[in-house]
Amino acid sequence: MIETAIISALAPAAVDALKTLFGGLGRKIGGLSVEDEIKIQNATVERLKALAVLDTPVGTPSQWVIDLRASFRYFAAGIFVVGGLSTIFVAPTLAPLGIEAAVAASSFIFGERMLLSLKSTSK
């Protein structure tokens, strides 16, 4: 069970590290020039602008919709935690699996928050 908590907490940092590592290796192996990298970054910026335009709602959505979208991952993690812990009472034979699900969900949320706080303090 402790392995699941540790792996789930470190997963966001590991994914970020792999993205950074393979992005740098790809640039070195591919031999991109500075001009090519600038073009790629500009294309990425334009893509993000297009996605932002598509994601912008028409008019002003209700405040509860805004709040629900902002807190969806916490609701989902809460469902995993409550569902996982309830297996202790509902299906005791599945209790270890339920506890693993509860630990993984909560550790992932805390690990992601830890990674974001470390990234913001390092800049």
Protein backbone atom coordinates (compact mmCIF):
# COMPACT_ATOMS: atom_id res chain seq x y z
CA MET A 1 0.00 0.00 0.00
CA ILE A 2 2.84 2.41 0.77
CA GLU A 3 4.27 1.73 -2.70
CA THR A 4 1.05 2.93 -4.30
CA ALA A 5 1.12 6.14 -2.25
CA ILE A 6 4.73 6.86 -3.16
CA ILE A 7 4.29 6.07 -6.86
CA SER A 8 1.11 8.15 -7.07
CA ALA A 9 2.71 11.10 -5.31
CA LEU A 10 5.80 11.01 -7.54
CA ALA A 11 3.94 10.39 -10.82
CA PRO A 12 3.38 14.10 -11.70
CA ALA A 13 7.06 14.91 -11.10
CA ALA A 14 8.20 11.87 -13.09
CA VAL A 15 6.00 12.74 -16.07
CA ASP A 16 7.26 16.34 -16.03
CA ALA A 17 10.87 15.17 -15.84
CA LEU A 18 10.39 12.76 -18.76
CA LYS A 19 8.78 15.48 -20.86
CA THR A 20 11.70 17.80 -20.17
CA LEU A 21 14.30 15.09 -20.79
CA PHE A 22 12.87 13.80 -24.05
CA GLY A 23 12.15 17.32 -25.30
CA GLY A 24 15.81 18.25 -24.83
CA LEU A 25 17.04 14.99 -26.36
CA GLY A 26 14.75 15.46 -29.33
CA ARG A 27 16.16 18.91 -30.00
CA LYS A 28 19.74 17.67 -29.74
CA ILE A 29 19.23 14.58 -31.89
CA GLY A 30 17.05 16.38 -34.43
CA GLY A 31 19.57 19.19 -34.70
CA LEU A 32 17.06 22.02 -34.55
CA SER A 33 18.46 25.46 -35.15
CA VAL A 34 17.43 28.43 -33.06
CA GLU A 35 15.19 29.65 -35.88
CA ASP A 36 13.44 26.28 -36.03
CA GLU A 37 12.88 26.29 -32.29
CA ILE A 38 11.43 29.82 -32.49
CA LYS A 39 9.08 28.66 -35.27
CA ILE A 40 8.01 25.67 -33.20
CA GLN A 41 7.39 27.87 -30.14
CA ASN A 42 5.37 30.33 -32.26
CA ALA A 43 3.31 27.46 -33.65
CA THR A 44 2.69 26.24 -30.10
CA VAL A 45 1.59 29.71 -29.01
CA GLU A 46 -0.78 29.99 -31.98
CA ARG A 47 -2.20 26.54 -31.21
CA LEU A 48 -2.81 27.50 -27.58
CA LYS A 49 -4.49 30.74 -28.69
CA ALA A 50 -6.78 28.76 -31.00
CA LEU A 51 -7.63 26.32 -28.18
CA ALA A 52 -8.33 29.23 -25.84
CA VAL A 53 -10.74 30.73 -28.36
CA LEU A 54 -12.49 27.39 -28.76
CA ASP A 55 -12.65 26.86 -25.00
CA THR A 56 -14.02 30.33 -24.24
CA PRO A 57 -17.71 30.00 -23.42
CA VAL A 58 -20.24 32.20 -25.16
CA GLY A 59 -21.61 34.58 -22.56
CA THR A 60 -20.99 34.11 -18.88
CA PRO A 61 -21.57 30.61 -17.48
CA SER A 62 -23.23 30.16 -14.13
CA GLN A 63 -20.98 30.40 -11.11
CA TRP A 64 -21.74 26.83 -10.09
CA VAL A 65 -20.52 25.61 -13.51
CA ILE A 66 -17.28 27.55 -13.07
CA ASP A 67 -16.82 26.14 -9.57
CA LEU A 68 -17.61 22.59 -10.68
CA ARG A 69 -15.08 22.71 -13.54
CA ALA A 70 -12.42 24.06 -11.19
CA SER A 71 -13.00 21.39 -8.55
CA PHE A 72 -13.75 18.33 -10.68
CA ARG A 73 -10.50 16.50 -9.93
CA TYR A 74 -11.08 16.95 -6.20
CA PHE A 75 -14.59 15.55 -6.48
CA ALA A 76 -13.26 12.59 -8.46
CA ALA A 77 -10.50 12.00 -5.90
CA GLY A 78 -13.08 12.23 -3.11
CA ILE A 79 -15.24 9.62 -4.82
CA PHE A 80 -12.22 7.30 -5.09
CA VAL A 81 -11.34 7.84 -1.43
CA VAL A 82 -14.89 7.35 -0.12
CA GLY A 83 -15.52 4.43 -2.49
CA GLY A 84 -12.21 2.80 -1.64
CA LEU A 85 -12.68 3.12 2.08
CA SER A 86 -16.28 1.94 1.90
CA THR A 87 -15.09 -1.42 0.53
CA ILE A 88 -13.90 -2.18 4.05
CA PHE A 89 -17.55 -2.36 5.15
CA VAL A 90 -19.28 -3.46 1.95
CA ALA A 91 -16.89 -6.09 0.58
CA PRO A 92 -14.15 -6.92 3.10
CA THR A 93 -12.45 -9.27 0.65
CA LEU A 94 -11.87 -6.32 -1.72
CA ALA A 95 -10.72 -4.00 1.07
CA PRO A 96 -7.02 -4.04 0.07
CA LEU A 97 -7.91 -3.04 -3.50
CA GLY A 98 -10.24 -0.29 -2.27
CA ILE A 99 -7.64 1.09 0.10
CA GLU A 100 -5.08 1.11 -2.74
CA ALA A 101 -7.51 3.16 -4.87
CA ALA A 102 -8.10 5.61 -2.02
CA VAL A 103 -4.38 6.01 -1.33
CA ALA A 104 -3.53 6.43 -5.03
CA ALA A 105 -6.12 9.15 -5.59
CA SER A 106 -5.17 11.19 -2.54
CA SER A 107 -1.44 10.78 -3.11
CA PHE A 108 -1.75 11.90 -6.73
CA ILE A 109 -3.57 15.09 -5.72
CA PHE A 110 -1.04 15.87 -2.98
CA GLY A 111 1.89 14.98 -5.27
CA GLU A 112 0.61 17.27 -8.00
CA ARG A 113 0.15 20.13 -5.55
CA MET A 114 3.65 19.54 -4.19
CA LEU A 115 5.11 19.62 -7.70
CA LEU A 116 3.28 22.85 -8.56
CA SER A 117 4.44 24.52 -5.35
CA LEU A 118 8.03 23.43 -5.95
CA LYS A 119 7.93 24.72 -9.52
CA SER A 120 6.57 28.10 -8.42
CA THR A 121 9.21 28.57 -5.71
CA SER A 122 12.09 27.55 -7.97
CA LYS A 123 11.48 30.36 -10.48
